[in-house]
N, C-alpha and C. Protein backbone atom coordinates (compact mmCIF):
# COMPACT_ATOMS: atom_id res chain seq x y z
N MET A 1 46.11 89.14 -99.56
CA MET A 1 47.44 88.68 -99.18
C MET A 1 47.49 88.54 -97.66
N ALA A 2 48.10 87.49 -97.17
CA ALA A 2 48.18 87.22 -95.73
C ALA A 2 49.19 88.15 -95.07
N HIS A 3 48.87 88.55 -93.85
CA HIS A 3 49.76 89.40 -93.06
C HIS A 3 50.44 88.54 -92.00
N TYR A 4 51.74 88.50 -92.03
CA TYR A 4 52.49 87.71 -91.07
C TYR A 4 53.18 88.63 -90.07
N LEU A 5 53.21 88.18 -88.82
CA LEU A 5 53.87 88.96 -87.79
C LEU A 5 55.37 88.75 -87.84
N THR A 6 56.10 89.83 -87.68
CA THR A 6 57.55 89.71 -87.60
C THR A 6 57.95 89.46 -86.16
N ALA A 7 59.20 89.12 -85.96
CA ALA A 7 59.71 88.88 -84.60
C ALA A 7 59.60 90.15 -83.76
N GLU A 8 59.80 91.31 -84.37
CA GLU A 8 59.68 92.58 -83.64
C GLU A 8 58.25 92.82 -83.18
N ASP A 9 57.28 92.50 -84.03
CA ASP A 9 55.87 92.65 -83.67
C ASP A 9 55.51 91.76 -82.49
N VAL A 10 55.99 90.53 -82.51
CA VAL A 10 55.70 89.60 -81.43
C VAL A 10 56.30 90.08 -80.13
N ARG A 11 57.58 90.53 -80.18
CA ARG A 11 58.23 91.05 -78.97
C ARG A 11 57.51 92.27 -78.42
N ALA A 12 57.04 93.14 -79.30
CA ALA A 12 56.33 94.34 -78.87
C ALA A 12 55.00 93.98 -78.19
N ARG A 13 54.31 92.99 -78.72
CA ARG A 13 53.05 92.57 -78.11
C ARG A 13 53.28 91.92 -76.75
N ILE A 14 54.35 91.15 -76.62
CA ILE A 14 54.67 90.52 -75.34
C ILE A 14 55.01 91.59 -74.30
N GLU A 15 55.80 92.58 -74.69
CA GLU A 15 56.16 93.66 -73.75
C GLU A 15 54.93 94.45 -73.33
N LYS A 16 54.02 94.69 -74.27
CA LYS A 16 52.79 95.41 -73.95
C LYS A 16 51.95 94.60 -72.96
N LYS A 17 51.88 93.30 -73.15
CA LYS A 17 51.11 92.44 -72.25
C LYS A 17 51.73 92.42 -70.86
N LYS A 18 53.05 92.36 -70.79
CA LYS A 18 53.74 92.31 -69.50
C LYS A 18 53.62 93.62 -68.72
N LYS A 19 53.28 94.71 -69.38
CA LYS A 19 53.14 96.00 -68.69
C LYS A 19 51.78 96.16 -68.01
N GLN A 20 50.87 95.23 -68.24
CA GLN A 20 49.54 95.33 -67.62
C GLN A 20 49.66 95.25 -66.10
N ARG A 21 48.76 95.96 -65.41
CA ARG A 21 48.82 96.07 -63.96
C ARG A 21 48.69 94.73 -63.25
N LYS A 22 47.91 93.83 -63.80
CA LYS A 22 47.66 92.55 -63.14
C LYS A 22 48.93 91.73 -62.95
N TYR A 23 49.97 91.98 -63.75
CA TYR A 23 51.22 91.25 -63.63
C TYR A 23 52.20 91.93 -62.67
N HIS A 24 51.85 93.10 -62.14
CA HIS A 24 52.73 93.85 -61.24
C HIS A 24 52.19 93.93 -59.83
N LEU A 25 51.29 93.05 -59.47
CA LEU A 25 50.72 93.02 -58.12
C LEU A 25 51.40 91.93 -57.30
N PRO A 26 51.50 92.12 -55.98
CA PRO A 26 52.16 91.12 -55.13
C PRO A 26 51.39 89.80 -55.09
N VAL A 27 52.12 88.69 -55.15
CA VAL A 27 51.53 87.35 -55.11
C VAL A 27 52.23 86.50 -54.06
N ILE A 28 51.51 85.49 -53.61
CA ILE A 28 52.04 84.55 -52.64
C ILE A 28 52.05 83.17 -53.28
N GLY A 29 53.18 82.49 -53.17
CA GLY A 29 53.31 81.13 -53.67
C GLY A 29 53.43 80.17 -52.51
N TYR A 30 52.56 79.17 -52.47
CA TYR A 30 52.56 78.17 -51.40
C TYR A 30 53.29 76.92 -51.90
N PHE A 31 54.59 76.87 -51.61
CA PHE A 31 55.42 75.73 -51.99
C PHE A 31 55.22 74.63 -50.95
N ALA A 32 55.78 73.46 -51.19
CA ALA A 32 55.58 72.32 -50.30
C ALA A 32 56.03 72.61 -48.88
N GLU A 33 57.21 73.21 -48.73
CA GLU A 33 57.72 73.40 -47.39
C GLU A 33 57.63 74.83 -46.86
N ARG A 34 57.34 75.80 -47.72
CA ARG A 34 57.25 77.19 -47.23
C ARG A 34 56.38 78.06 -48.13
N THR A 35 56.09 79.23 -47.61
CA THR A 35 55.29 80.23 -48.32
C THR A 35 56.21 81.40 -48.67
N VAL A 36 56.13 81.86 -49.93
CA VAL A 36 57.00 82.95 -50.37
C VAL A 36 56.15 84.08 -50.94
N LEU A 37 56.46 85.31 -50.53
CA LEU A 37 55.79 86.50 -51.06
C LEU A 37 56.67 87.11 -52.13
N PHE A 38 56.12 87.32 -53.31
CA PHE A 38 56.82 87.96 -54.41
C PHE A 38 56.21 89.33 -54.67
N ASP A 39 57.02 90.28 -55.13
CA ASP A 39 56.54 91.64 -55.39
C ASP A 39 55.63 91.70 -56.61
N SER A 40 55.79 90.78 -57.54
CA SER A 40 54.96 90.79 -58.74
C SER A 40 54.93 89.38 -59.33
N ILE A 41 53.99 89.17 -60.23
CA ILE A 41 53.91 87.90 -60.94
C ILE A 41 55.13 87.71 -61.82
N LEU A 42 55.62 88.79 -62.42
CA LEU A 42 56.80 88.68 -63.28
C LEU A 42 58.03 88.27 -62.48
N GLN A 43 58.18 88.79 -61.27
CA GLN A 43 59.30 88.40 -60.41
C GLN A 43 59.18 86.92 -60.01
N ALA A 44 57.96 86.50 -59.70
CA ALA A 44 57.73 85.10 -59.35
C ALA A 44 58.04 84.19 -60.54
N SER A 45 57.68 84.63 -61.72
CA SER A 45 57.93 83.85 -62.93
C SER A 45 59.43 83.69 -63.16
N GLU A 46 60.19 84.76 -62.98
CA GLU A 46 61.63 84.68 -63.17
C GLU A 46 62.28 83.78 -62.12
N ALA A 47 61.81 83.85 -60.89
CA ALA A 47 62.42 83.08 -59.80
C ALA A 47 62.10 81.59 -59.91
N THR A 48 60.89 81.25 -60.37
CA THR A 48 60.46 79.85 -60.37
C THR A 48 60.54 79.18 -61.74
N GLY A 49 60.55 79.96 -62.81
CA GLY A 49 60.57 79.39 -64.15
C GLY A 49 59.18 79.01 -64.65
N ILE A 50 58.13 79.38 -63.91
CA ILE A 50 56.76 79.11 -64.31
C ILE A 50 56.26 80.30 -65.13
N HIS A 51 55.58 80.05 -66.23
CA HIS A 51 55.11 81.12 -67.11
C HIS A 51 54.17 82.07 -66.36
N TYR A 52 54.32 83.37 -66.59
CA TYR A 52 53.56 84.38 -65.85
C TYR A 52 52.06 84.27 -66.07
N SER A 53 51.62 83.85 -67.24
CA SER A 53 50.18 83.74 -67.46
C SER A 53 49.58 82.58 -66.68
N LEU A 54 50.36 81.50 -66.49
CA LEU A 54 49.88 80.39 -65.66
C LEU A 54 49.75 80.82 -64.20
N ILE A 55 50.71 81.61 -63.72
CA ILE A 55 50.63 82.11 -62.34
C ILE A 55 49.40 83.00 -62.18
N PHE A 56 49.13 83.85 -63.16
CA PHE A 56 47.95 84.72 -63.10
C PHE A 56 46.67 83.90 -63.06
N GLU A 57 46.57 82.88 -63.91
CA GLU A 57 45.37 82.05 -63.94
C GLU A 57 45.18 81.30 -62.63
N ALA A 58 46.28 80.89 -62.00
CA ALA A 58 46.18 80.23 -60.69
C ALA A 58 45.75 81.23 -59.61
N CYS A 59 46.20 82.47 -59.72
CA CYS A 59 45.83 83.50 -58.74
C CYS A 59 44.33 83.79 -58.76
N ILE A 60 43.74 83.80 -59.93
CA ILE A 60 42.31 84.14 -60.02
C ILE A 60 41.42 82.92 -59.88
N GLY A 61 42.02 81.74 -59.78
CA GLY A 61 41.23 80.55 -59.57
C GLY A 61 40.79 79.85 -60.83
N LYS A 62 41.31 80.25 -61.96
CA LYS A 62 40.94 79.60 -63.22
C LYS A 62 41.52 78.18 -63.26
N ILE A 63 42.73 78.03 -62.74
CA ILE A 63 43.33 76.71 -62.56
C ILE A 63 43.74 76.60 -61.09
N TYR A 64 43.89 75.37 -60.60
CA TYR A 64 44.18 75.19 -59.18
C TYR A 64 45.64 75.45 -58.85
N LYS A 65 46.55 74.92 -59.64
CA LYS A 65 47.98 75.06 -59.38
C LYS A 65 48.70 75.42 -60.68
N ALA A 66 49.82 76.11 -60.51
CA ALA A 66 50.72 76.36 -61.64
C ALA A 66 52.09 75.88 -61.21
N GLY A 67 52.62 74.90 -61.90
CA GLY A 67 53.93 74.37 -61.57
C GLY A 67 53.97 73.68 -60.22
N ASN A 68 52.91 73.00 -59.85
CA ASN A 68 52.80 72.29 -58.58
C ASN A 68 52.86 73.22 -57.38
N VAL A 69 52.52 74.49 -57.58
CA VAL A 69 52.51 75.50 -56.53
C VAL A 69 51.14 76.17 -56.53
N VAL A 70 50.57 76.37 -55.35
CA VAL A 70 49.32 77.10 -55.24
C VAL A 70 49.66 78.58 -55.16
N TRP A 71 49.00 79.40 -55.99
CA TRP A 71 49.28 80.84 -56.05
C TRP A 71 48.03 81.63 -55.68
N GLU A 72 48.25 82.81 -55.08
CA GLU A 72 47.15 83.75 -54.87
C GLU A 72 47.72 85.15 -54.76
N TYR A 73 46.87 86.12 -55.11
CA TYR A 73 47.26 87.51 -54.90
C TYR A 73 47.33 87.78 -53.41
N GLN A 74 48.23 88.67 -53.02
CA GLN A 74 48.22 89.13 -51.64
C GLN A 74 46.90 89.87 -51.47
N LYS A 75 46.19 89.63 -50.39
CA LYS A 75 44.82 90.13 -50.25
C LYS A 75 44.75 91.64 -50.40
N GLY A 76 43.69 92.10 -51.01
CA GLY A 76 43.47 93.52 -51.22
C GLY A 76 42.40 93.74 -52.26
N ASN A 77 42.16 94.99 -52.61
CA ASN A 77 41.12 95.32 -53.58
C ASN A 77 41.39 94.72 -54.94
N HIS A 78 42.65 94.66 -55.36
CA HIS A 78 42.97 94.10 -56.67
C HIS A 78 42.59 92.61 -56.72
N TYR A 79 42.78 91.90 -55.63
CA TYR A 79 42.43 90.48 -55.56
C TYR A 79 40.93 90.32 -55.79
N ILE A 80 40.14 91.09 -55.07
CA ILE A 80 38.69 91.01 -55.19
C ILE A 80 38.24 91.36 -56.59
N LYS A 81 38.84 92.42 -57.15
CA LYS A 81 38.47 92.89 -58.49
C LYS A 81 38.70 91.82 -59.55
N TYR A 82 39.91 91.26 -59.61
CA TYR A 82 40.22 90.28 -60.64
C TYR A 82 39.45 88.98 -60.42
N LYS A 83 39.36 88.53 -59.19
CA LYS A 83 38.66 87.28 -58.88
C LYS A 83 37.18 87.41 -59.29
N ALA A 84 36.55 88.52 -58.90
CA ALA A 84 35.13 88.73 -59.23
C ALA A 84 34.92 88.80 -60.73
N TYR A 85 35.79 89.49 -61.45
CA TYR A 85 35.66 89.63 -62.89
C TYR A 85 35.69 88.26 -63.58
N TYR A 86 36.64 87.42 -63.24
CA TYR A 86 36.76 86.13 -63.89
C TYR A 86 35.68 85.15 -63.45
N ILE A 87 35.20 85.26 -62.24
CA ILE A 87 34.08 84.42 -61.81
C ILE A 87 32.82 84.80 -62.59
N ASN A 88 32.57 86.10 -62.77
CA ASN A 88 31.42 86.55 -63.54
C ASN A 88 31.50 86.10 -64.99
N ILE A 89 32.66 86.19 -65.60
CA ILE A 89 32.83 85.76 -66.98
C ILE A 89 32.57 84.26 -67.09
N GLN A 90 33.07 83.49 -66.13
CA GLN A 90 32.89 82.04 -66.15
C GLN A 90 31.41 81.67 -66.00
N ASP A 91 30.67 82.40 -65.17
CA ASP A 91 29.25 82.13 -64.99
C ASP A 91 28.44 82.43 -66.24
N LYS A 92 28.85 83.45 -67.00
CA LYS A 92 28.10 83.87 -68.19
C LYS A 92 28.44 83.04 -69.42
N TYR A 93 29.54 82.31 -69.38
CA TYR A 93 30.02 81.59 -70.56
C TYR A 93 29.15 80.37 -70.82
N THR A 94 28.71 80.21 -72.07
CA THR A 94 27.99 79.01 -72.48
C THR A 94 28.58 78.53 -73.80
N ARG A 95 28.68 77.25 -73.96
CA ARG A 95 29.23 76.67 -75.20
C ARG A 95 28.06 76.36 -76.12
N TYR A 96 28.14 76.89 -77.34
CA TYR A 96 27.05 76.72 -78.29
C TYR A 96 27.25 75.52 -79.22
N SER A 97 28.44 74.94 -79.20
CA SER A 97 28.68 73.77 -80.04
C SER A 97 29.50 72.77 -79.24
N ASN A 98 29.76 71.64 -79.85
CA ASN A 98 30.53 70.63 -79.13
C ASN A 98 32.02 71.00 -79.13
N PHE A 99 32.84 70.15 -78.53
CA PHE A 99 34.25 70.46 -78.37
C PHE A 99 35.01 70.47 -79.68
N ASN A 100 34.53 69.78 -80.67
CA ASN A 100 35.24 69.73 -81.94
C ASN A 100 34.81 70.78 -82.93
N GLY A 101 34.03 71.72 -82.51
CA GLY A 101 33.69 72.81 -83.40
C GLY A 101 32.28 72.84 -83.74
């Protein structure tokens, strides 16, 4: 029998994901006319309307921009840690089949 997620399960998983440390680190958004420092990715997401996971991916360099804004972590050990981790994962990744499966 198939197991379906309820709305409560989905909300609980989202809250658990949002509690991760990587979403509570200071970030800098480079808008067209100015630079803004946010206390966390979640605060930046609320202020700009850009999804928090897109901001995170832009911070680590997985994508170049999120919402037409360049994002990066405020420099520090956390920046080096996350950036290095995702660069290493990207270097090790190999596709064993074509794009259609």
